[in-house]
């Protein structure tokens, strides 16, 4: 297998990991925070109570774990692929977050928002047709 093909496969695999763990973590945190009552003021005791409630939720910890896996995949893929390739390619997560928000959080998404998500996804497809790395490794 050619080095450019190996690079492309590694990059796709980690971007897929980012596309799974990023939106999943975002939705898990969103779901958890809807269950935690809002912070009632800025007094230190109110802030402390809020954080104790938030961090006692297993869903918050699942979200943090998922976002940690996203971050690990992100750092790894940036070690060999161009930022100008990785960041737009990872924007597919916007579509997945919207879809998960409808399914898991019962959110209503307007046609204007879906149109914006579609536009982003079309841009991702365009960027995906280019090489992951345009610079020489140092």
C-alpha atoms as a PDB file:
ATOM      1  CA  UNK A   1       0.000   0.000   0.000  1.00  0.00           C
ATOM      2  CA  UNK A   2       1.362   3.427  -0.917  1.00  0.00           C
ATOM      3  CA  UNK A   3       2.296   5.875   1.854  1.00  0.00           C
ATOM      4  CA  UNK A   4      -0.320   8.388   0.651  1.00  0.00           C
ATOM      5  CA  UNK A   5      -3.030   5.699   0.815  1.00  0.00           C
ATOM      6  CA  UNK A   6      -1.959   4.704   4.347  1.00  0.00           C
ATOM      7  CA  UNK A   7      -2.025   8.378   5.374  1.00  0.00           C
ATOM      8  CA  UNK A   8      -5.505   8.834   3.929  1.00  0.00           C
ATOM      9  CA  UNK A   9      -6.815   5.678   5.696  1.00  0.00           C
ATOM     10  CA  UNK A  10      -5.299   6.694   9.061  1.00  0.00           C
ATOM     11  CA  UNK A  11      -6.739  10.164   8.665  1.00  0.00           C
ATOM     12  CA  UNK A  12     -10.207   8.865   7.755  1.00  0.00           C
ATOM     13  CA  UNK A  13     -10.182   6.455  10.709  1.00  0.00           C
ATOM     14  CA  UNK A  14      -9.377   9.160  13.236  1.00  0.00           C
ATOM     15  CA  UNK A  15     -11.774  11.654  11.691  1.00  0.00           C
ATOM     16  CA  UNK A  16     -14.465   8.970  11.994  1.00  0.00           C
ATOM     17  CA  UNK A  17     -13.536   8.586  15.674  1.00  0.00           C
ATOM     18  CA  UNK A  18     -13.839  12.355  16.053  1.00  0.00           C
ATOM     19  CA  UNK A  19     -17.221  12.273  14.313  1.00  0.00           C
ATOM     20  CA  UNK A  20     -18.459   9.647  16.770  1.00  0.00           C
ATOM     21  CA  UNK A  21     -17.018  10.831  20.072  1.00  0.00           C
ATOM     22  CA  UNK A  22     -17.407  14.623  19.617  1.00  0.00           C
ATOM     23  CA  UNK A  23     -21.155  14.721  18.909  1.00  0.00           C
ATOM     24  CA  UNK A  24     -21.814  11.911  21.387  1.00  0.00           C
ATOM     25  CA  UNK A  25     -20.009  13.831  24.130  1.00  0.00           C
ATOM     26  CA  UNK A  26     -21.824  17.063  23.250  1.00  0.00           C
ATOM     27  CA  UNK A  27     -25.232  15.400  23.338  1.00  0.00           C
ATOM     28  CA  UNK A  28     -24.479  13.523  26.563  1.00  0.00           C
ATOM     29  CA  UNK A  29     -23.464  16.787  28.243  1.00  0.00           C
ATOM     30  CA  UNK A  30     -26.543  18.527  26.842  1.00  0.00           C
ATOM     31  CA  UNK A  31     -28.792  15.770  28.134  1.00  0.00           C
ATOM     32  CA  UNK A  32     -27.149  15.796  31.562  1.00  0.00           C
ATOM     33  CA  UNK A  33     -27.321  19.555  31.934  1.00  0.00           C
ATOM     34  CA  UNK A  34     -31.043  19.594  31.102  1.00  0.00           C
ATOM     35  CA  UNK A  35     -31.537  17.354  34.164  1.00  0.00           C
ATOM     36  CA  UNK A  36     -29.403  19.556  36.420  1.00  0.00           C
ATOM     37  CA  UNK A  37     -31.405  22.554  37.558  1.00  0.00           C
ATOM     38  CA  UNK A  38     -29.990  25.925  36.462  1.00  0.00           C
ATOM     39  CA  UNK A  39     -27.565  27.834  38.639  1.00  0.00           C
ATOM     40  CA  UNK A  40     -29.487  30.210  40.888  1.00  0.00           C
ATOM     41  CA  UNK A  41     -27.187  33.175  41.272  1.00  0.00           C
ATOM     42  CA  UNK A  42     -23.478  33.805  41.465  1.00  0.00           C
ATOM     43  CA  UNK A  43     -22.954  33.350  45.174  1.00  0.00           C
ATOM     44  CA  UNK A  44     -20.143  30.892  45.899  1.00  0.00           C
ATOM     45  CA  UNK A  45     -22.570  28.495  47.606  1.00  0.00           C
ATOM     46  CA  UNK A  46     -24.863  28.484  44.540  1.00  0.00           C
ATOM     47  CA  UNK A  47     -21.956  27.846  42.210  1.00  0.00           C
ATOM     48  CA  UNK A  48     -20.669  25.028  44.406  1.00  0.00           C
ATOM     49  CA  UNK A  49     -24.125  23.378  44.610  1.00  0.00           C
ATOM     50  CA  UNK A  50     -24.475  23.607  40.834  1.00  0.00           C
ATOM     51  CA  UNK A  51     -21.116  21.941  40.191  1.00  0.00           C
ATOM     52  CA  UNK A  52     -21.739  19.239  42.796  1.00  0.00           C
ATOM     53  CA  UNK A  53     -25.073  18.406  41.087  1.00  0.00           C
ATOM     54  CA  UNK A  54     -23.499  18.490  37.631  1.00  0.00           C
ATOM     55  CA  UNK A  55     -20.482  16.354  38.476  1.00  0.00           C
ATOM     56  CA  UNK A  56     -22.555  13.792  40.378  1.00  0.00           C
ATOM     57  CA  UNK A  57     -24.271  12.885  37.122  1.00  0.00           C
ATOM     58  CA  UNK A  58     -22.928   9.767  35.398  1.00  0.00           C
ATOM     59  CA  UNK A  59     -24.086  11.238  32.084  1.00  0.00           C
ATOM     60  CA  UNK A  60     -21.764  14.216  32.582  1.00  0.00           C
ATOM     61  CA  UNK A  61     -18.867  11.830  33.122  1.00  0.00           C
ATOM     62  CA  UNK A  62     -19.784   9.809  30.030  1.00  0.00           C
ATOM     63  CA  UNK A  63     -19.853  13.067  28.057  1.00  0.00           C
ATOM     64  CA  UNK A  64     -16.465  14.110  29.437  1.00  0.00           C
ATOM     65  CA  UNK A  65     -15.021  10.681  28.606  1.00  0.00           C
ATOM     66  CA  UNK A  66     -16.388  10.825  25.081  1.00  0.00           C
ATOM     67  CA  UNK A  67     -15.007  14.326  24.547  1.00  0.00           C
ATOM     68  CA  UNK A  68     -11.641  13.166  25.899  1.00  0.00           C
ATOM     69  CA  UNK A  69     -11.567  10.409  23.252  1.00  0.00           C
ATOM     70  CA  UNK A  70     -12.495  13.041  20.652  1.00  0.00           C
ATOM     71  CA  UNK A  71      -9.599  15.198  21.812  1.00  0.00           C
ATOM     72  CA  UNK A  72      -7.116  12.304  21.655  1.00  0.00           C
ATOM     73  CA  UNK A  73      -8.192  11.477  18.090  1.00  0.00           C
ATOM     74  CA  UNK A  74      -8.012  15.184  17.177  1.00  0.00           C
ATOM     75  CA  UNK A  75      -4.482  15.609  18.513  1.00  0.00           C
ATOM     76  CA  UNK A  76      -3.289  12.429  16.803  1.00  0.00           C
ATOM     77  CA  UNK A  77      -4.735  13.287  13.394  1.00  0.00           C
ATOM     78  CA  UNK A  78      -3.298  16.811  13.583  1.00  0.00           C
ATOM     79  CA  UNK A  79       0.155  15.271  14.064  1.00  0.00           C
ATOM     80  CA  UNK A  80       0.161  14.136  10.413  1.00  0.00           C
ATOM     81  CA  UNK A  81      -2.669  15.843   8.530  1.00  0.00           C
ATOM     82  CA  UNK A  82      -3.088  19.529   7.720  1.00  0.00           C
ATOM     83  CA  UNK A  83      -5.259  21.582  10.054  1.00  0.00           C
ATOM     84  CA  UNK A  84      -6.927  23.052   6.963  1.00  0.00           C
ATOM     85  CA  UNK A  85      -8.077  19.512   6.088  1.00  0.00           C
ATOM     86  CA  UNK A  86      -8.932  18.158   9.556  1.00  0.00           C
ATOM     87  CA  UNK A  87     -10.999  21.061  10.844  1.00  0.00           C
ATOM     88  CA  UNK A  88     -13.388  21.287   7.876  1.00  0.00           C
ATOM     89  CA  UNK A  89     -13.641  17.472   7.649  1.00  0.00           C
ATOM     90  CA  UNK A  90     -14.584  17.286  11.313  1.00  0.00           C
ATOM     91  CA  UNK A  91     -17.387  19.782  10.642  1.00  0.00           C
ATOM     92  CA  UNK A  92     -19.587  16.830   9.647  1.00  0.00           C
ATOM     93  CA  UNK A  93     -20.112  16.589  13.385  1.00  0.00           C
ATOM     94  CA  UNK A  94     -22.488  19.569  13.105  1.00  0.00           C
ATOM     95  CA  UNK A  95     -24.862  17.397  11.109  1.00  0.00           C
ATOM     96  CA  UNK A  96     -24.520  14.538  13.580  1.00  0.00           C
ATOM     97  CA  UNK A  97     -25.099  16.840  16.555  1.00  0.00           C
ATOM     98  CA  UNK A  98     -28.277  18.164  14.937  1.00  0.00           C
ATOM     99  CA  UNK A  99     -29.484  14.635  14.211  1.00  0.00           C
ATOM    100  CA  UNK A 100     -28.696  13.445  17.734  1.00  0.00           C
ATOM    101  CA  UNK A 101     -30.387  16.527  19.204  1.00  0.00           C
ATOM    102  CA  UNK A 102     -33.591  15.557  17.412  1.00  0.00           C
ATOM    103  CA  UNK A 103     -33.341  11.882  18.387  1.00  0.00           C
ATOM    104  CA  UNK A 104     -31.908  12.009  21.914  1.00  0.00           C
ATOM    105  CA  UNK A 105     -32.966  15.434  23.170  1.00  0.00           C
ATOM    106  CA  UNK A 106     -36.294  15.777  21.312  1.00  0.00           C
ATOM    107  CA  UNK A 107     -35.268  19.178  19.981  1.00  0.00           C
ATOM    108  CA  UNK A 108     -37.097  20.752  17.063  1.00  0.00           C
ATOM    109  CA  UNK A 109     -34.792  21.966  14.291  1.00  0.00           C
ATOM    110  CA  UNK A 110     -36.104  24.468  11.782  1.00  0.00           C
ATOM    111  CA  UNK A 111     -35.688  24.221   8.037  1.00  0.00           C
ATOM    112  CA  UNK A 112     -33.249  27.148   8.139  1.00  0.00           C
ATOM    113  CA  UNK A 113     -30.993  25.261  10.570  1.00  0.00           C
ATOM    114  CA  UNK A 114     -31.174  22.064   8.499  1.00  0.00           C
ATOM    115  CA  UNK A 115     -30.274  24.135   5.428  1.00  0.00           C
ATOM    116  CA  UNK A 116     -27.215  25.493   7.232  1.00  0.00           C
ATOM    117  CA  UNK A 117     -26.173  22.009   8.308  1.00  0.00           C
ATOM    118  CA  UNK A 118     -26.561  20.763   4.723  1.00  0.00           C
ATOM    119  CA  UNK A 119     -24.406  23.637   3.447  1.00  0.00           C
ATOM    120  CA  UNK A 120     -21.684  22.758   5.959  1.00  0.00           C
ATOM    121  CA  UNK A 121     -21.820  19.085   4.958  1.00  0.00           C
ATOM    122  CA  UNK A 122     -21.490  19.997   1.272  1.00  0.00           C
ATOM    123  CA  UNK A 123     -18.379  22.007   2.149  1.00  0.00           C
ATOM    124  CA  UNK A 124     -16.988  19.003   4.005  1.00  0.00           C
ATOM    125  CA  UNK A 125     -17.484  16.845   0.929  1.00  0.00           C
ATOM    126  CA  UNK A 126     -15.566  19.391  -1.161  1.00  0.00           C
ATOM    127  CA  UNK A 127     -12.676  19.513   1.327  1.00  0.00           C
ATOM    128  CA  UNK A 128     -12.659  15.709   1.567  1.00  0.00           C
ATOM    129  CA  UNK A 129     -11.711  15.481  -2.107  1.00  0.00           C
ATOM    130  CA  UNK A 130      -8.314  17.059  -1.390  1.00  0.00           C
ATOM    131  CA  UNK A 131      -5.170  15.465   0.054  1.00  0.00           C
ATOM    132  CA  UNK A 132      -4.974  15.361   3.881  1.00  0.00           C
ATOM    133  CA  UNK A 133      -1.415  16.714   3.820  1.00  0.00           C
ATOM    134  CA  UNK A 134      -0.005  19.367   1.524  1.00  0.00           C
ATOM    135  CA  UNK A 135       3.175  20.075   3.476  1.00  0.00           C
ATOM    136  CA  UNK A 136       6.263  17.931   3.905  1.00  0.00           C
ATOM    137  CA  UNK A 137       6.795  16.345   7.333  1.00  0.00           C
ATOM    138  CA  UNK A 138       9.511  18.025   9.383  1.00  0.00           C
END
